Amino acid sequence: MKQPDFRLLFEGAPGLYLALTPDLKIVAASEAYLRATRTQRAAIIGRDLFDVFPDDPDANVHASLDRVREQRVADTTNSPVLDDKGELAYIIHRLGEPTADKLRTRAMVAEQDLESFSYSVSHDLRAPLRVIDGFSLALLEDHGPSLPAEGQDLLGRLRLQAQRMAQLIEGLLQFSRLGRKPLEVAPVDLAALAQTVAQELQQANPDRAVEINVSGVPPAMGDRGLLRQVLTNLIGNAFKFTRRRPDAQVVVGSREDNGERVYYVRDNGAGFDMRYASRLFGVFQRLHSADEFEGIGVGLALVQRIIHRHGGRVWGEGRVNEGATFSFTLGGAA
């Protein structure tokens, strides 16, 4: 009989929980906590509890933690987890609603500030980049023949980098706009949406022979435009990262997991090293170089933000050169 994965059980718990080491380092967080506080798991794992909550004035929390560590006594806030020798292995720390509300408010304010900053900076940077690209092109067109080959090459590289910077800025703008767009929740035929995205990709890449199978995908409740963006990014990535496979395959499906509907996009492409999985959904984070596969590292960050706005979660699993599977839920919106 297969042993249960207690980490998954803990992370799927409905309450707002953190798992701590005896020296109060955070080693796990429930999905409910991450959603309620708008926190990235990678941002808190390994940090001290009171680094994450530096302004927590509640002396009862400190007293409770001391009792757990010294006397192994549980209460409504902290519970000890003992190893087979009776030694304290972990502390399960439960956050009360007032603390969660405070963290949620702080996260929302920080998110709004970041959105405003990103939007302003992106707009301010676009104009000078257009000037650099335009003047470089004019110089090449008007004076290219009189320039040495090295000069022409340098100008070409300058234009290429200016255009790449413009793509990064556009990605940043897309990311910041997501926080401003209200959700328009309605029934969405995800299977039909996935088929449409797949057909568009195949039409745009007629030289690629990719077998795309969409099956077992029930409708969901959500914002159709945003969910199309999710599928475009996930299926597009699968399409891209199977480029070097002569037998490229992409599967879009779903499964029932402990009463929860999980949607997934699976491919047999380049895959990735699970040691770096925490970087998958960061803005401008890439696990493959631009020389191997094009892209700017914004797509999965957009996917995560859209899924979180639907009250769901998203994660990736992969093995190098054996493919990847990206799964998501839609929480209360589904």
Protein backbone atom coordinates (compact mmCIF):
# COMPACT_ATOMS: atom_id res chain seq x y z
CA MET A 1 0.00 0.00 0.00
CA LYS A 2 1.37 3.38 -0.97
CA GLN A 3 2.27 5.60 2.00
CA PRO A 4 0.54 9.01 2.07
CA ASP A 5 2.57 12.09 1.22
CA PHE A 6 2.14 14.03 4.47
CA ARG A 7 3.64 17.18 2.97
CA LEU A 8 0.83 17.24 0.39
CA LEU A 9 -1.73 16.51 3.11
CA PHE A 10 -0.42 19.41 5.18
CA GLU A 11 -0.25 21.84 2.25
CA GLY A 12 -3.81 20.93 1.26
CA ALA A 13 -5.23 21.51 4.75
CA PRO A 14 -8.07 24.09 4.76
CA GLY A 15 -6.70 26.13 7.67
CA LEU A 16 -3.99 28.81 7.73
CA TYR A 17 -1.03 26.75 8.92
CA LEU A 18 2.75 26.97 8.95
CA ALA A 19 5.13 24.14 9.85
CA LEU A 20 8.10 25.29 11.91
CA THR A 21 11.34 23.71 13.09
CA PRO A 22 12.06 23.93 16.84
CA ASP A 23 14.19 27.04 16.15
CA LEU A 24 11.12 28.62 14.42
CA LYS A 25 12.26 28.33 10.81
CA ILE A 26 9.33 27.96 8.38
CA VAL A 27 9.56 24.69 6.43
CA ALA A 28 6.03 24.38 4.99
CA ALA A 29 2.89 26.44 4.44
CA SER A 30 -0.67 25.42 3.65
CA GLU A 31 -2.17 26.53 0.35
CA ALA A 32 -4.94 28.25 2.34
CA TYR A 33 -2.31 30.39 4.08
CA LEU A 34 -0.62 31.30 0.79
CA ARG A 35 -3.92 32.28 -0.83
CA ALA A 36 -5.20 34.24 2.18
CA THR A 37 -1.99 36.23 2.58
CA ARG A 38 -1.08 36.46 -1.15
CA THR A 39 2.31 34.98 -0.34
CA GLN A 40 4.66 32.96 -2.54
CA ARG A 41 5.82 29.74 -0.85
CA ALA A 42 9.43 30.37 -1.93
CA ALA A 43 9.34 33.80 -0.25
CA ILE A 44 8.88 32.40 3.27
CA ILE A 45 10.36 28.88 3.31
CA GLY A 46 13.55 28.86 5.37
CA ARG A 47 12.83 32.21 7.05
CA ASP A 48 12.37 32.77 10.78
CA LEU A 49 8.73 33.10 11.87
CA PHE A 50 9.32 36.54 13.38
CA ASP A 51 11.14 37.75 10.27
CA VAL A 52 7.88 37.13 8.43
CA PHE A 53 5.86 38.69 11.28
CA PRO A 54 8.24 41.37 12.63
CA ASP A 55 5.47 43.55 14.05
CA ASP A 56 3.44 40.83 15.80
CA PRO A 57 2.83 42.31 19.28
CA ASP A 58 0.97 39.31 20.70
CA ALA A 59 2.92 38.10 23.74
CA ASN A 60 0.61 35.07 23.88
CA VAL A 61 2.13 33.76 20.65
CA HIS A 62 5.62 33.90 22.15
CA ALA A 63 4.41 32.24 25.35
CA SER A 64 2.62 29.52 23.40
CA LEU A 65 5.73 28.76 21.36
CA ASP A 66 7.83 28.62 24.51
CA ARG A 67 5.40 26.11 26.08
CA VAL A 68 5.50 23.91 22.99
CA ARG A 69 9.30 23.93 22.86
CA GLU A 70 9.88 23.45 26.58
CA GLN A 71 6.88 21.41 27.74
CA ARG A 72 5.50 19.92 24.47
CA VAL A 73 2.10 21.41 25.40
CA ALA A 74 -0.36 22.10 22.54
CA ASP A 75 -2.94 24.89 22.41
CA THR A 76 -5.16 26.49 19.76
CA THR A 77 -2.20 28.31 18.17
CA ASN A 78 0.72 25.85 18.28
CA SER A 79 0.94 22.06 18.36
CA PRO A 80 4.08 19.93 18.77
CA VAL A 81 5.00 17.13 16.35
CA LEU A 82 7.30 14.59 18.01
CA ASP A 83 9.67 12.16 16.33
CA ASP A 84 9.88 8.44 17.19
CA LYS A 85 12.21 9.28 20.10
CA GLY A 86 9.78 11.73 21.63
CA GLU A 87 11.88 14.74 20.59
CA LEU A 88 10.29 17.87 19.13
CA ALA A 89 10.58 17.64 15.34
CA TYR A 90 8.15 20.34 14.16
CA ILE A 91 5.63 22.87 15.41
CA ILE A 92 2.33 23.34 13.60
CA HIS A 93 1.55 27.04 13.89
CA ARG A 94 -2.00 28.21 13.22
CA LEU A 95 -2.69 31.82 12.25
CA GLY A 96 -5.79 33.49 13.63
CA GLU A 97 -8.04 35.58 11.42
CA PRO A 98 -6.84 38.96 12.81
CA THR A 99 -3.24 38.12 11.85
CA ALA A 100 -4.35 36.79 8.48
CA ASP A 101 -6.39 39.95 7.83
CA LYS A 102 -3.37 42.10 8.69
CA LEU A 103 -1.13 40.13 6.32
CA ARG A 104 -3.77 40.19 3.60
CA THR A 105 -4.12 43.98 3.86
CA ARG A 106 -0.36 44.46 3.86
CA ALA A 107 0.01 42.23 0.79
CA MET A 108 -2.77 44.03 -1.09
CA VAL A 109 -1.21 47.45 -0.42
CA ALA A 110 2.22 46.21 -1.49
CA GLU A 111 0.72 44.64 -4.62
CA GLN A 112 -1.10 47.84 -5.56
CA ASP A 113 2.08 49.88 -5.02
CA LEU A 114 4.05 47.47 -7.19
CA GLU A 115 1.42 47.58 -9.93
CA SER A 116 1.45 51.38 -9.99
CA PHE A 117 5.24 51.48 -9.99
CA SER A 118 5.52 48.85 -12.75
CA TYR A 119 2.94 50.62 -14.90
CA SER A 120 4.60 54.05 -14.52
CA VAL A 121 8.14 52.80 -15.08
CA SER A 122 7.11 50.71 -18.08
CA HIS A 123 5.42 53.66 -19.75
CA ASP A 124 8.38 55.93 -19.04
CA LEU A 125 10.85 53.46 -20.55
CA ARG A 126 8.99 52.73 -23.78
CA ALA A 127 9.57 56.11 -25.45
CA PRO A 128 13.39 56.22 -25.13
CA LEU A 129 13.63 52.60 -26.30
CA ARG A 130 11.63 53.43 -29.43
CA VAL A 131 14.02 56.32 -30.07
CA ILE A 132 17.10 54.08 -29.68
CA ASP A 133 15.65 51.44 -31.99
CA GLY A 134 14.43 54.00 -34.54
CA PHE A 135 17.68 55.97 -34.70
CA SER A 136 19.73 52.77 -34.96
CA LEU A 137 17.57 51.62 -37.88
CA ALA A 138 17.88 55.03 -39.59
CA LEU A 139 21.65 54.94 -39.15
CA LEU A 140 21.84 51.46 -40.67
CA GLU A 141 19.59 52.37 -43.60
CA ASP A 142 21.21 55.73 -44.39
CA HIS A 143 24.84 55.07 -43.57
CA GLY A 144 25.13 51.30 -43.31
CA PRO A 145 27.15 50.81 -46.52
CA SER A 146 29.78 53.31 -45.33
CA LEU A 147 30.17 51.62 -41.93
CA PRO A 148 32.66 48.81 -41.39
CA ALA A 149 31.18 45.33 -40.86
CA GLU A 150 31.89 45.53 -37.12
CA GLY A 151 29.95 48.81 -36.85
CA GLN A 152 26.97 47.33 -38.69
CA ASP A 153 27.08 44.30 -36.40
CA LEU A 154 27.13 46.47 -33.27
CA LEU A 155 24.16 48.51 -34.46
CA GLY A 156 22.27 45.31 -35.23
CA ARG A 157 22.96 44.04 -31.72
CA LEU A 158 21.85 47.38 -30.27
CA ARG A 159 18.52 47.12 -32.10
CA LEU A 160 18.06 43.51 -31.00
CA GLN A 161 18.59 44.38 -27.33
CA ALA A 162 16.32 47.44 -27.54
CA GLN A 163 13.58 45.24 -29.02
CA ARG A 164 14.11 42.61 -26.31
CA MET A 165 13.85 45.31 -23.63
CA ALA A 166 10.61 46.49 -25.23
CA GLN A 167 9.26 42.92 -24.98
CA LEU A 168 10.21 42.76 -21.29
CA ILE A 169 8.44 46.05 -20.65
CA GLU A 170 5.34 44.84 -22.47
CA GLY A 171 5.39 41.73 -20.29
CA LEU A 172 5.66 43.89 -17.18
CA LEU A 173 2.72 45.98 -18.36
CA GLN A 174 0.64 42.86 -18.96
CA PHE A 175 1.47 41.64 -15.46
CA SER A 176 0.49 44.96 -13.86
CA ARG A 177 -2.76 45.24 -15.86
CA LEU A 178 -3.96 41.89 -14.52
CA GLY A 179 -4.49 43.40 -11.08
CA ARG A 180 -6.71 46.13 -12.51
CA LYS A 181 -9.03 44.00 -14.64
CA PRO A 182 -12.19 42.89 -12.79
CA LEU A 183 -13.12 39.22 -13.15
CA GLU A 184 -16.11 38.52 -15.40
CA VAL A 185 -17.13 35.10 -14.08
CA ALA A 186 -19.34 32.94 -16.31
CA PRO A 187 -19.47 29.32 -17.53
CA VAL A 188 -16.43 28.57 -19.75
CA ASP A 189 -16.06 25.62 -22.13
CA LEU A 190 -12.40 24.92 -21.39
CA ALA A 191 -12.23 21.99 -23.83
CA ALA A 192 -13.38 24.17 -26.76
CA LEU A 193 -11.03 26.94 -25.63
CA ALA A 194 -8.08 24.51 -25.53
CA GLN A 195 -8.98 23.17 -29.00
CA THR A 196 -9.05 26.71 -30.38
CA VAL A 197 -5.66 27.57 -28.86
CA ALA A 198 -4.19 24.30 -30.21
CA GLN A 199 -5.51 24.96 -33.74
CA GLU A 200 -4.12 28.49 -33.71
CA LEU A 201 -0.68 27.22 -32.67
CA GLN A 202 -0.69 24.54 -35.39
CA GLN A 203 -1.77 27.07 -38.03
CA ALA A 204 0.98 29.48 -36.94
CA ASN A 205 3.58 26.67 -37.09
CA PRO A 206 2.70 24.57 -40.15
CA ASP A 207 6.18 23.00 -40.18
CA ARG A 208 5.60 21.40 -36.75
CA ALA A 209 4.00 17.98 -36.38
CA VAL A 210 2.66 18.05 -32.83
CA GLU A 211 0.02 15.62 -31.63
CA ILE A 212 -2.32 17.59 -29.36
CA ASN A 213 -4.99 15.65 -27.49
CA VAL A 214 -7.76 17.45 -25.57
CA SER A 215 -10.05 15.14 -23.64
CA GLY A 216 -11.87 14.85 -20.33
CA VAL A 217 -11.94 18.61 -19.77
CA PRO A 218 -15.26 19.69 -18.21
CA PRO A 219 -16.56 23.28 -18.25
CA ALA A 220 -15.63 25.63 -15.43
CA MET A 221 -16.72 28.93 -13.95
CA GLY A 222 -14.27 31.74 -14.58
CA ASP A 223 -13.25 34.72 -16.68
CA ARG A 224 -13.15 33.41 -20.26
CA GLY A 225 -10.56 35.92 -21.50
CA LEU A 226 -8.19 35.27 -18.62
CA LEU A 227 -8.60 31.48 -18.80
CA ARG A 228 -7.85 31.65 -22.51
CA GLN A 229 -4.63 33.44 -21.57
CA VAL A 230 -3.80 30.60 -19.15
CA LEU A 231 -4.32 27.95 -21.82
CA THR A 232 -2.47 29.98 -24.45
CA ASN A 233 0.57 30.20 -22.19
CA LEU A 234 0.52 26.59 -20.99
CA ILE A 235 -0.23 24.95 -24.35
CA GLY A 236 2.11 27.42 -26.08
CA ASN A 237 4.92 26.46 -23.71
CA ALA A 238 4.25 22.76 -24.30
CA PHE A 239 4.31 23.40 -28.05
CA LYS A 240 7.59 25.34 -27.75
CA PHE A 241 9.45 22.95 -25.46
CA THR A 242 8.64 19.89 -27.62
CA ARG A 243 10.34 21.52 -30.61
CA ARG A 244 13.25 19.07 -30.58
CA ARG A 245 11.06 15.98 -30.30
CA PRO A 246 10.15 14.26 -33.58
CA ASP A 247 7.22 12.61 -31.76
CA ALA A 248 6.02 15.76 -29.98
CA GLN A 249 2.91 15.19 -27.88
CA VAL A 250 0.76 17.55 -25.81
CA VAL A 251 -2.15 16.38 -23.65
CA VAL A 252 -4.76 18.69 -22.14
CA GLY A 253 -6.94 16.95 -19.58
CA SER A 254 -8.28 16.92 -16.05
CA ARG A 255 -8.68 14.62 -13.09
CA GLU A 256 -10.55 14.45 -9.80
CA ASP A 257 -8.20 14.76 -6.81
CA ASN A 258 -9.77 14.44 -3.34
CA GLY A 259 -12.97 16.04 -4.55
CA GLU A 260 -11.15 18.84 -6.35
CA ARG A 261 -11.05 19.26 -10.14
CA VAL A 262 -7.47 19.54 -11.38
CA TYR A 263 -6.78 20.64 -14.97
CA TYR A 264 -3.41 19.93 -16.58
CA VAL A 265 -1.27 20.39 -19.70
CA ARG A 266 1.33 17.66 -20.16
CA ASP A 267 4.09 17.36 -22.79
CA ASN A 268 7.04 15.10 -23.61
CA GLY A 269 9.46 17.95 -24.29
CA ALA A 270 12.57 19.41 -22.67
CA GLY A 271 11.20 19.25 -19.12
CA PHE A 272 13.05 20.90 -16.24
CA ASP A 273 15.01 20.12 -13.09
CA MET A 274 12.63 19.99 -10.10
CA ARG A 275 15.35 21.53 -7.91
CA TYR A 276 14.50 24.84 -9.57
CA ALA A 277 10.71 24.46 -9.53
CA SER A 278 10.34 27.38 -7.09
CA ARG A 279 11.56 29.73 -9.85
CA LEU A 280 8.97 28.65 -12.41
CA PHE A 281 6.39 31.33 -11.68
CA GLY A 282 8.67 34.29 -10.99
CA VAL A 283 8.57 37.31 -13.30
CA PHE A 284 11.45 37.16 -15.83
CA GLN A 285 12.60 33.82 -14.38
CA ARG A 286 13.69 31.25 -16.96
CA LEU A 287 14.97 27.69 -16.55
CA HIS A 288 16.16 27.54 -20.18
CA SER A 289 18.39 30.03 -21.95
CA ALA A 290 17.03 32.32 -24.67
CA ASP A 291 19.40 30.60 -27.11
CA GLU A 292 17.60 27.29 -26.52
CA PHE A 293 14.01 28.54 -26.41
CA GLU A 294 12.66 32.03 -27.03
CA GLY A 295 10.64 33.90 -24.42
CA ILE A 296 10.99 36.57 -21.74
CA GLY A 297 9.89 34.69 -18.62
CA VAL A 298 6.52 36.34 -17.98
CA GLY A 299 4.03 33.73 -19.21
CA LEU A 300 3.97 31.48 -16.15
CA ALA A 301 3.90 34.48 -13.81
CA LEU A 302 0.77 35.64 -15.65
CA VAL A 303 -0.72 32.14 -15.38
CA GLN A 304 -0.14 32.03 -11.63
CA ARG A 305 -1.64 35.46 -11.10
CA ILE A 306 -4.75 34.59 -13.11
CA ILE A 307 -5.22 31.28 -11.28
CA HIS A 308 -4.77 32.94 -7.88
CA ARG A 309 -7.38 35.54 -8.83
CA HIS A 310 -9.76 32.64 -9.47
CA GLY A 311 -9.02 31.29 -5.98
CA GLY A 312 -7.04 28.35 -7.33
CA ARG A 313 -3.47 27.12 -7.31
CA VAL A 314 -0.98 26.13 -10.01
CA TRP A 315 2.15 24.01 -9.94
CA GLY A 316 4.60 22.34 -12.30
CA GLU A 317 6.28 18.94 -12.32
CA GLY A 318 8.96 17.81 -14.73
CA ARG A 319 12.06 15.81 -15.47
CA VAL A 320 14.90 16.92 -17.72
CA ASN A 321 14.36 15.69 -21.30
CA GLU A 322 11.26 13.75 -20.23
CA GLY A 323 8.63 16.47 -20.36
CA ALA A 324 6.60 18.56 -17.95
CA THR A 325 3.09 18.74 -16.53
CA PHE A 326 1.50 21.99 -15.39
CA SER A 327 -1.62 21.57 -13.26
CA PHE A 328 -4.09 24.09 -11.90
CA THR A 329 -7.32 24.35 -9.97
CA LEU A 330 -9.88 27.13 -10.04
CA GLY A 331 -10.93 27.17 -6.39
CA GLY A 332 -14.37 28.56 -5.75
CA ALA A 333 -14.63 29.82 -9.34
CA ALA A 334 -14.68 26.31 -10.80
